[in-house]
């Protein structure tokens, strides 16, 4: 109940979107999918997420926040359920690890896909350990359509099912791909659309690359200090138990191998600068339920060397309270409260939207790389009668249309400098503002087409 109350307070009293870019874009895809059914098969938007989120998005951004809040709470309950099914001690502590991971709390208040991936993943594991293997495989089969990395789990669990000769249940692992392959063939004319329209199949990421141990560092800021300590202990414990044959194969391959495969894959993507990786720490929220079980095992492994039930229970209580309090103490790895509020850049875009509204008409189109502007103007960015792509060439624009350049998305996503727009004789500046956000300069310029 305490966790539910916390999430409800955050939902009611904080108006942030959890992220300025992807979170808003996912909401927009879900909101306008009813009007543009092709968005239900949009690779980047994630078809399964759009399908589930589109009814919620009709209520506004609060709708997708409610969806992600419910998915996050479900993951907490499922971690508890899996721990109990596997015979872990102190099962409630596993739920505490999941519920109070600082970044998971922030992402629950967004329109991002990580909570759905996490819930499907742990839901599949719960079904498997409950003896409902076909249901487990069915849930897993939709993971690639929530986040593309889901193909890693399909391969891993598919191999596990093969080794255990689960021939019948293995068929259920193909249901999700079969449905979306057929849908792509019928509605897009491309049965191989999942591969042919992969948005990450670029030779080099235009976001650059980084250190191979980048996610080792970033994981600390996802889960916080107490959780991180027991997660490391749990990894040591798990491999020790597996070698000593004290852990069954399902537990090792689904939980440990699943988490590590996801973790090392993203580490490698960022290190090599492939698949358009941005090195975002939030992707780790996708496998947080698995790491919560590993952390719980780490705690139980440590206390397993102790004698006396009272001391073990006392220690578990201290760990639980410390984990629950840690997100709120103001450390670098605690909740960053500004992420739950509207950012200074979003506030500035709101001001600009108010300024631009008198210039809009039924025939006026608008172009922007920043999704929050479409959000503020309540404009369908997928309707080519209301918007057009932001490029340095403006052949699609007509007299009276608006083009908005920002120093973040227009530059990083569209590679457009303000200089090339300013020198265009067809463009007249009607709004310009510059602020400093997080010590970085952020500039907005709105142009009217002549």
Protein backbone atom coordinates (compact mmCIF):
# COMPACT_ATOMS: atom_id res chain seq x y z
CA UNK A 1 0.00 0.00 0.00
CA UNK A 2 2.89 2.35 0.77
CA UNK A 3 4.26 1.84 -2.75
CA UNK A 4 0.83 2.47 -4.33
CA UNK A 5 0.45 5.66 -2.26
CA UNK A 6 3.92 6.85 -3.31
CA UNK A 7 3.20 6.32 -7.00
CA UNK A 8 -0.19 8.04 -6.73
CA UNK A 9 1.35 11.08 -5.02
CA UNK A 10 3.96 11.34 -7.78
CA UNK A 11 1.25 10.99 -10.42
CA UNK A 12 -0.97 13.68 -8.92
CA UNK A 13 1.58 16.25 -7.82
CA UNK A 14 4.30 16.07 -10.46
CA UNK A 15 3.57 17.09 -14.05
CA UNK A 16 6.78 15.95 -15.73
CA UNK A 17 6.99 13.59 -18.70
CA UNK A 18 10.03 11.58 -17.56
CA UNK A 19 11.88 12.46 -20.75
CA UNK A 20 11.63 15.31 -23.27
CA UNK A 21 11.98 13.27 -26.45
CA UNK A 22 11.15 9.57 -26.64
CA UNK A 23 8.53 9.74 -23.89
CA UNK A 24 6.57 12.43 -25.76
CA UNK A 25 7.03 10.72 -29.13
CA UNK A 26 5.70 7.41 -27.79
CA UNK A 27 2.69 9.24 -26.40
CA UNK A 28 2.05 10.98 -29.74
CA UNK A 29 2.25 7.70 -31.67
CA UNK A 30 -0.21 6.11 -29.24
CA UNK A 31 -2.56 9.11 -29.25
CA UNK A 32 -2.87 9.38 -33.02
CA UNK A 33 -2.86 5.64 -33.81
CA UNK A 34 -6.69 5.67 -33.93
CA UNK A 35 -6.50 8.28 -36.70
CA UNK A 36 -3.50 6.73 -38.47
CA UNK A 37 -3.76 2.92 -38.12
CA UNK A 38 -0.39 2.44 -39.83
CA UNK A 39 1.20 3.63 -36.57
CA UNK A 40 0.23 0.29 -35.03
CA UNK A 41 2.99 -1.20 -37.19
CA UNK A 42 5.58 1.53 -36.74
CA UNK A 43 8.90 -0.09 -35.85
CA UNK A 44 10.41 2.73 -33.76
CA UNK A 45 7.14 3.41 -31.91
CA UNK A 46 7.00 -0.29 -30.89
CA UNK A 47 3.79 -1.91 -32.17
CA UNK A 48 2.83 -3.81 -29.01
CA UNK A 49 3.28 -0.68 -26.90
CA UNK A 50 1.22 1.45 -29.30
CA UNK A 51 -1.54 -1.20 -29.28
CA UNK A 52 -1.73 -1.26 -25.48
CA UNK A 53 -1.16 2.46 -24.88
CA UNK A 54 -3.43 3.95 -27.55
CA UNK A 55 -6.68 3.70 -25.52
CA UNK A 56 -4.95 5.24 -22.49
CA UNK A 57 -3.42 8.03 -24.59
CA UNK A 58 -6.88 9.30 -25.57
CA UNK A 59 -7.13 10.63 -22.00
CA UNK A 60 -3.96 12.66 -22.55
CA UNK A 61 -0.46 12.14 -21.24
CA UNK A 62 -1.88 11.31 -17.82
CA UNK A 63 -3.36 8.21 -19.47
CA UNK A 64 -0.01 6.70 -20.48
CA UNK A 65 1.41 7.64 -17.09
CA UNK A 66 -1.40 5.66 -15.43
CA UNK A 67 -0.62 2.73 -17.74
CA UNK A 68 3.08 2.76 -16.85
CA UNK A 69 2.31 3.22 -13.18
CA UNK A 70 0.09 0.11 -13.24
CA UNK A 71 2.72 -1.87 -15.17
CA UNK A 72 5.40 -0.83 -12.67
CA UNK A 73 3.26 -1.88 -9.72
CA UNK A 74 2.48 -5.18 -11.45
CA UNK A 75 6.22 -5.81 -11.83
CA UNK A 76 6.65 -5.31 -8.08
CA UNK A 77 3.98 -7.92 -7.33
CA UNK A 78 5.37 -10.34 -9.91
CA UNK A 79 8.90 -10.11 -8.47
CA UNK A 80 7.41 -11.06 -5.11
CA UNK A 81 5.45 -13.89 -6.73
CA UNK A 82 8.43 -15.32 -8.61
CA UNK A 83 10.64 -15.16 -5.51
CA UNK A 84 8.00 -17.07 -3.58
CA UNK A 85 7.61 -19.70 -6.31
CA UNK A 86 11.38 -20.22 -6.44
CA UNK A 87 11.52 -20.69 -2.67
CA UNK A 88 13.55 -17.58 -1.85
CA UNK A 89 13.64 -16.31 1.71
CA UNK A 90 12.64 -12.71 2.53
CA UNK A 91 10.55 -12.48 -0.65
CA UNK A 92 9.15 -9.08 0.35
CA UNK A 93 12.67 -7.65 0.14
CA UNK A 94 12.76 -8.51 -3.58
CA UNK A 95 9.61 -6.45 -4.07
CA UNK A 96 11.21 -3.58 -2.13
CA UNK A 97 14.26 -3.67 -4.43
CA UNK A 98 11.96 -3.45 -7.45
CA UNK A 99 9.64 -0.78 -6.04
CA UNK A 100 12.31 1.62 -4.80
CA UNK A 101 14.89 1.60 -7.58
CA UNK A 102 15.22 5.39 -8.08
CA UNK A 103 15.14 5.50 -11.87
CA UNK A 104 12.30 2.96 -12.07
CA UNK A 105 10.17 5.38 -10.05
CA UNK A 106 10.93 8.19 -12.51
CA UNK A 107 10.32 6.04 -15.60
CA UNK A 108 6.96 4.92 -14.17
CA UNK A 109 5.87 8.55 -14.63
CA UNK A 110 6.67 8.62 -18.36
CA UNK A 111 5.40 7.44 -21.72
CA UNK A 112 8.42 5.18 -22.27
CA UNK A 113 8.41 1.48 -23.18
CA UNK A 114 10.65 0.12 -20.42
CA UNK A 115 7.85 -0.57 -17.87
CA UNK A 116 5.91 -2.71 -20.36
CA UNK A 117 9.03 -4.67 -21.32
CA UNK A 118 9.88 -5.25 -17.65
CA UNK A 119 6.33 -6.36 -16.83
CA UNK A 120 6.10 -8.75 -19.78
CA UNK A 121 9.51 -10.20 -18.93
CA UNK A 122 8.80 -10.90 -15.26
CA UNK A 123 5.22 -11.92 -16.12
CA UNK A 124 6.58 -14.54 -18.48
CA UNK A 125 8.92 -15.85 -15.79
CA UNK A 126 6.06 -16.00 -13.27
CA UNK A 127 3.94 -17.98 -15.73
CA UNK A 128 6.83 -20.38 -16.36
CA UNK A 129 7.53 -21.10 -12.69
CA UNK A 130 3.76 -21.47 -12.15
CA UNK A 131 3.72 -24.32 -14.65
CA UNK A 132 2.01 -22.28 -17.39
CA UNK A 133 4.76 -22.64 -19.96
CA UNK A 134 2.65 -21.94 -23.09
CA UNK A 135 1.47 -18.65 -21.55
CA UNK A 136 5.07 -17.83 -20.62
CA UNK A 137 6.25 -18.32 -24.18
CA UNK A 138 3.27 -16.38 -25.55
CA UNK A 139 4.13 -13.34 -23.41
CA UNK A 140 7.80 -13.56 -24.36
CA UNK A 141 6.92 -13.72 -28.05
CA UNK A 142 5.72 -10.09 -27.97
CA UNK A 143 8.86 -8.67 -26.31
CA UNK A 144 10.56 -7.68 -29.62
CA UNK A 145 7.52 -5.55 -30.42
CA UNK A 146 7.85 -3.65 -27.13
CA UNK A 147 11.61 -3.15 -27.40
CA UNK A 148 13.74 -4.57 -30.19
CA UNK A 149 16.19 -6.12 -27.68
CA UNK A 150 13.42 -8.61 -26.97
CA UNK A 151 14.87 -10.76 -29.77
CA UNK A 152 17.73 -11.54 -27.37
CA UNK A 153 15.26 -13.13 -24.93
CA UNK A 154 13.53 -15.03 -27.72
CA UNK A 155 16.86 -16.56 -28.72
CA UNK A 156 17.94 -17.29 -25.13
CA UNK A 157 14.68 -18.82 -23.89
CA UNK A 158 14.15 -20.57 -27.21
CA UNK A 159 17.49 -22.36 -26.69
CA UNK A 160 16.47 -23.23 -23.12
CA UNK A 161 13.20 -24.72 -24.37
CA UNK A 162 15.09 -26.71 -27.01
CA UNK A 163 17.52 -28.08 -24.42
CA UNK A 164 14.59 -29.12 -22.23
CA UNK A 165 12.79 -30.56 -25.28
CA UNK A 166 9.73 -28.41 -24.73
CA UNK A 167 8.63 -28.85 -28.35
CA UNK A 168 5.00 -27.85 -27.91
CA UNK A 169 5.63 -24.82 -25.72
CA UNK A 170 8.35 -23.68 -28.14
CA UNK A 171 5.67 -23.13 -30.78
CA UNK A 172 4.07 -20.43 -28.62
CA UNK A 173 7.32 -18.46 -28.84
CA UNK A 174 6.54 -17.82 -32.50
CA UNK A 175 3.02 -16.47 -32.05
CA UNK A 176 3.98 -12.80 -31.60
CA UNK A 177 6.36 -12.73 -34.57
CA UNK A 178 3.85 -14.67 -36.69
CA UNK A 179 1.03 -12.19 -35.93
CA UNK A 180 3.13 -9.13 -36.70
CA UNK A 181 4.74 -10.72 -39.77
CA UNK A 182 1.29 -11.44 -41.18
CA UNK A 183 0.02 -7.96 -40.27
CA UNK A 184 3.04 -6.38 -41.96
CA UNK A 185 2.47 -8.40 -45.09
CA UNK A 186 -1.24 -7.56 -45.27
CA UNK A 187 -1.14 -3.87 -44.35
CA UNK A 188 2.39 -2.77 -45.32
CA UNK A 189 2.96 -5.16 -48.20
CA UNK A 190 6.15 -6.36 -46.54
CA UNK A 191 6.24 -9.62 -44.61
CA UNK A 192 9.86 -8.88 -43.61
CA UNK A 193 9.06 -5.38 -42.35
CA UNK A 194 10.56 -6.07 -38.91
CA UNK A 195 13.99 -6.42 -40.53
CA UNK A 196 13.57 -4.18 -43.57
CA UNK A 197 12.30 -1.22 -41.52
CA UNK A 198 14.66 -1.63 -38.57
CA UNK A 199 15.45 1.97 -37.52
CA UNK A 200 18.72 1.01 -35.85
CA UNK A 201 20.43 -0.63 -38.83
CA UNK A 202 22.97 2.15 -39.36
CA UNK A 203 26.69 1.62 -39.81
CA UNK A 204 27.64 4.05 -37.05
CA UNK A 205 25.54 5.77 -34.42
CA UNK A 206 25.27 9.53 -34.83
CA UNK A 207 25.23 9.71 -31.03
CA UNK A 208 28.84 8.52 -30.87
CA UNK A 209 30.20 5.83 -28.57
CA UNK A 210 31.74 5.45 -25.11
CA UNK A 211 33.48 3.26 -22.58
CA UNK A 212 32.89 -0.49 -22.42
CA UNK A 213 32.20 -0.15 -18.67
CA UNK A 214 29.73 2.70 -19.18
CA UNK A 215 26.75 0.68 -17.97
CA UNK A 216 28.66 -0.71 -14.99
CA UNK A 217 28.80 2.89 -13.78
CA UNK A 218 25.30 3.84 -14.91
CA UNK A 219 23.65 0.89 -13.19
CA UNK A 220 24.58 2.49 -9.88
CA UNK A 221 22.45 5.53 -10.79
CA UNK A 222 19.56 3.31 -11.85
CA UNK A 223 19.23 1.28 -8.64
CA UNK A 224 21.04 3.22 -5.90
CA UNK A 225 23.73 2.15 -3.44
CA UNK A 226 22.02 -0.53 -1.27
CA UNK A 227 20.48 -2.31 -4.26
CA UNK A 228 23.76 -2.13 -6.21
CA UNK A 229 25.71 -3.78 -3.40
CA UNK A 230 23.34 -6.75 -3.14
CA UNK A 231 23.10 -7.05 -6.93
CA UNK A 232 26.87 -7.52 -7.16
CA UNK A 233 26.69 -10.02 -4.29
CA UNK A 234 23.85 -11.78 -6.09
CA UNK A 235 25.87 -12.16 -9.28
CA UNK A 236 28.72 -13.77 -7.33
CA UNK A 237 26.25 -15.98 -5.45
CA UNK A 238 24.42 -17.05 -8.59
CA UNK A 239 27.50 -18.23 -10.44
CA UNK A 240 28.76 -19.99 -7.33
CA UNK A 241 25.42 -21.76 -6.85
CA UNK A 242 25.18 -22.71 -10.51
CA UNK A 243 28.67 -24.22 -10.54
CA UNK A 244 27.85 -26.14 -7.36
CA UNK A 245 24.55 -27.26 -8.95
CA UNK A 246 22.53 -25.55 -6.22
CA UNK A 247 20.52 -23.55 -8.77
CA UNK A 248 18.20 -24.98 -11.40
CA UNK A 249 18.81 -24.22 -15.07
CA UNK A 250 15.66 -22.12 -15.52
CA UNK A 251 16.64 -19.79 -12.68
CA UNK A 252 20.15 -19.38 -14.04
CA UNK A 253 19.36 -18.98 -17.73
CA UNK A 254 16.21 -16.89 -17.48
CA UNK A 255 17.22 -14.59 -14.61
CA UNK A 256 21.01 -14.43 -14.64
CA UNK A 257 21.77 -15.04 -18.30
CA UNK A 258 18.78 -12.90 -19.34
CA UNK A 259 19.94 -9.93 -17.29
CA UNK A 260 23.61 -10.25 -18.28
CA UNK A 261 22.84 -10.76 -21.97
CA UNK A 262 20.78 -7.56 -22.02
CA UNK A 263 23.39 -5.69 -19.97
CA UNK A 264 26.40 -6.75 -22.03
CA UNK A 265 24.58 -6.25 -25.33
CA UNK A 266 23.89 -2.60 -24.50
CA UNK A 267 27.44 -2.16 -23.20
CA UNK A 268 28.76 -3.46 -26.50
CA UNK A 269 26.35 -1.38 -28.60
CA UNK A 270 27.51 1.79 -26.85
CA UNK A 271 31.20 0.86 -26.94
CA UNK A 272 31.10 0.10 -30.67
CA UNK A 273 28.73 2.94 -31.49
CA UNK A 274 26.25 0.68 -33.31
CA UNK A 275 22.44 0.34 -33.51
CA UNK A 276 22.12 4.08 -32.81
CA UNK A 277 22.86 3.50 -29.13
CA UNK A 278 22.78 6.63 -26.98
CA UNK A 279 24.19 4.99 -23.86
CA UNK A 280 20.99 5.82 -21.96
CA UNK A 281 20.89 4.32 -18.47
CA UNK A 282 17.11 4.05 -18.53
CA UNK A 283 17.24 1.01 -20.84
CA UNK A 284 18.34 -1.04 -17.80
CA UNK A 285 14.90 -0.50 -16.24
CA UNK A 286 13.70 -3.06 -18.82
CA UNK A 287 15.41 -5.90 -16.93
CA UNK A 288 15.10 -4.48 -13.43
CA UNK A 289 12.77 -7.27 -12.21
CA UNK A 290 15.49 -9.81 -13.05
CA UNK A 291 18.16 -7.79 -11.24
CA UNK A 292 15.80 -7.44 -8.24
CA UNK A 293 15.69 -11.22 -7.94
CA UNK A 294 19.48 -11.37 -8.26
CA UNK A 295 19.85 -8.75 -5.51
CA UNK A 296 17.47 -10.72 -3.28
CA UNK A 297 19.55 -13.85 -3.84
CA UNK A 298 22.64 -11.82 -2.96
CA UNK A 299 21.08 -10.77 0.34
CA UNK A 300 20.04 -14.33 1.15
CA UNK A 301 23.47 -15.67 0.22
CA UNK A 302 25.18 -13.24 2.61
CA UNK A 303 22.81 -13.97 5.49
CA UNK A 304 23.10 -17.68 4.77
CA UNK A 305 26.47 -17.64 6.53
CA UNK A 306 24.86 -16.30 9.72
CA UNK A 307 23.31 -18.16 12.60
CA UNK A 308 20.10 -17.12 14.29
CA UNK A 309 16.80 -16.21 12.66
CA UNK A 310 16.38 -13.01 14.64
CA UNK A 311 19.61 -11.48 13.35
CA UNK A 312 18.69 -12.41 9.78
CA UNK A 313 15.24 -10.87 10.07
CA UNK A 314 16.66 -7.76 11.73
CA UNK A 315 19.20 -7.37 8.92
CA UNK A 316 16.53 -7.86 6.24
CA UNK A 317 14.41 -5.17 7.89
CA UNK A 318 17.35 -2.74 7.95
CA UNK A 319 18.15 -3.47 4.29
CA UNK A 320 14.50 -2.99 3.31
CA UNK A 321 14.17 0.31 5.15
CA UNK A 322 17.50 1.57 3.79
CA UNK A 323 16.50 0.66 0.23
CA UNK A 324 13.11 2.35 0.62
CA UNK A 325 14.57 5.52 2.11
CA UNK A 326 17.57 5.81 -0.20
CA UNK A 327 15.72 7.26 -3.25
CA UNK A 328 14.73 10.30 -1.18
CA UNK A 329 18.01 11.30 0.51
CA UNK A 330 19.24 13.57 -2.29
CA UNK A 331 22.36 11.67 -3.34
CA UNK A 332 23.51 11.54 -7.00
CA UNK A 333 21.97 8.07 -7.33
CA UNK A 334 18.70 8.97 -5.59
CA UNK A 335 15.61 10.28 -7.38
CA UNK A 336 16.44 13.35 -9.43
CA UNK A 337 13.29 15.32 -8.70
CA UNK A 338 13.68 17.66 -11.66
CA UNK A 339 13.05 14.65 -13.91
CA UNK A 340 9.52 14.48 -12.44
CA UNK A 341 8.81 18.11 -13.27
CA UNK A 342 8.38 19.97 -16.55
CA UNK A 343 11.93 20.87 -17.62
CA UNK A 344 13.05 24.48 -18.22
CA UNK A 345 13.26 23.69 -21.94
CA UNK A 346 9.69 22.38 -21.95
CA UNK A 347 8.52 25.51 -20.10
CA UNK A 348 10.14 27.64 -22.77
CA UNK A 349 8.44 25.64 -25.52
CA UNK A 350 5.10 26.17 -23.74
CA UNK A 351 5.70 29.92 -23.80
CA UNK A 352 6.57 29.80 -27.50
CA UNK A 353 3.44 27.74 -28.25
CA UNK A 354 1.28 30.47 -26.67
CA UNK A 355 3.06 33.05 -28.83
CA UNK A 356 2.59 31.01 -32.01
CA UNK A 357 -1.09 30.09 -31.58
CA UNK A 358 -2.38 33.42 -33.02
CA UNK A 359 -0.31 32.73 -36.16
CA UNK A 360 -1.89 29.33 -36.70
CA UNK A 361 -4.84 28.83 -39.01
CA UNK A 362 -6.70 25.84 -40.43
CA UNK A 363 -4.46 25.89 -43.50
CA UNK A 364 -1.21 26.61 -41.67
CA UNK A 365 1.25 23.75 -41.27
CA UNK A 366 4.02 23.56 -38.70
CA UNK A 367 7.40 21.83 -38.71
CA UNK A 368 9.50 21.01 -35.66
CA UNK A 369 12.00 18.37 -34.54
CA UNK A 370 10.96 18.83 -30.91
CA UNK A 371 7.90 16.65 -30.11
CA UNK A 372 6.84 18.75 -27.14
CA UNK A 373 5.77 21.58 -29.43
CA UNK A 374 3.22 19.31 -31.14
CA UNK A 375 2.13 18.24 -27.66
CA UNK A 376 1.59 21.85 -26.54
CA UNK A 377 -0.21 22.86 -29.74
CA UNK A 378 -2.31 19.68 -29.77
CA UNK A 379 -1.24 19.17 -33.38
CA UNK A 380 -1.31 15.84 -35.20
CA UNK A 381 2.31 15.61 -36.35
CA UNK A 382 1.45 12.57 -38.53
CA UNK A 383 -1.07 14.51 -40.63
CA UNK A 384 0.73 16.01 -43.64
CA UNK A 385 -1.96 18.68 -43.90
CA UNK A 386 -0.96 19.97 -40.46
CA UNK A 387 2.79 19.35 -40.29
CA UNK A 388 5.78 18.63 -42.51
CA UNK A 389 9.30 17.27 -41.88
CA UNK A 390 11.97 19.64 -40.63
CA UNK A 391 14.74 19.88 -43.22
CA UNK A 392 17.04 22.64 -44.42
CA UNK A 393 15.12 22.56 -47.72
CA UNK A 394 11.56 23.80 -47.31
CA UNK A 395 9.91 22.82 -50.58
CA UNK A 396 7.04 21.25 -48.64
CA UNK A 397 6.31 24.49 -46.84
CA UNK A 398 3.89 27.11 -48.11
CA UNK A 399 3.48 30.80 -47.41
CA UNK A 400 2.16 31.26 -43.87
CA UNK A 401 3.54 27.97 -42.55
CA UNK A 402 5.70 27.87 -39.43
CA UNK A 403 9.08 26.22 -39.00
CA UNK A 404 10.60 25.86 -35.54
CA UNK A 405 14.28 25.20 -34.91
CA UNK A 406 15.67 24.18 -31.52
CA UNK A 407 19.29 23.75 -30.54
CA UNK A 408 18.79 20.19 -29.30
CA UNK A 409 16.62 17.91 -31.47
CA UNK A 410 16.94 19.92 -34.69
CA UNK A 411 20.71 19.57 -34.41
CA UNK A 412 21.15 16.03 -33.01
CA UNK A 413 18.29 14.33 -34.87
CA UNK A 414 17.98 16.41 -38.07
CA UNK A 415 21.51 17.84 -38.38
CA UNK A 416 20.20 21.34 -39.11
CA UNK A 417 22.06 24.45 -38.00
CA UNK A 418 20.28 27.72 -37.38
CA UNK A 419 22.66 29.50 -39.77
CA UNK A 420 21.38 27.63 -42.82
CA UNK A 421 17.80 28.55 -41.92
CA UNK A 422 18.55 32.19 -41.09
CA UNK A 423 20.15 32.77 -44.48
CA UNK A 424 17.12 31.32 -46.31
CA UNK A 425 15.29 34.29 -47.91
CA UNK A 426 11.91 32.57 -47.55
CA UNK A 427 12.12 32.52 -43.75
CA UNK A 428 11.36 35.38 -41.36
CA UNK A 429 12.04 35.10 -37.61
CA UNK A 430 8.85 35.60 -35.58
CA UNK A 431 10.08 34.26 -32.24
CA UNK A 432 13.53 33.77 -30.72
CA UNK A 433 14.53 32.89 -27.17
CA UNK A 434 17.64 31.56 -25.49
CA UNK A 435 17.92 30.07 -22.00
CA UNK A 436 20.42 28.08 -19.98
CA UNK A 437 19.26 24.66 -18.83
CA UNK A 438 21.57 22.41 -16.79
CA UNK A 439 24.39 24.86 -17.59
CA UNK A 440 23.77 24.24 -21.31
CA UNK A 441 22.46 26.80 -23.76
CA UNK A 442 19.07 26.05 -25.31
CA UNK A 443 17.73 28.19 -28.12
CA UNK A 444 14.38 28.30 -29.89
CA UNK A 445 13.70 30.10 -33.17
CA UNK A 446 10.35 30.16 -34.97
CA UNK A 447 10.30 31.14 -38.67
CA UNK A 448 7.36 32.21 -40.79
CA UNK A 449 7.49 31.15 -44.43
CA UNK A 450 6.95 33.92 -46.97
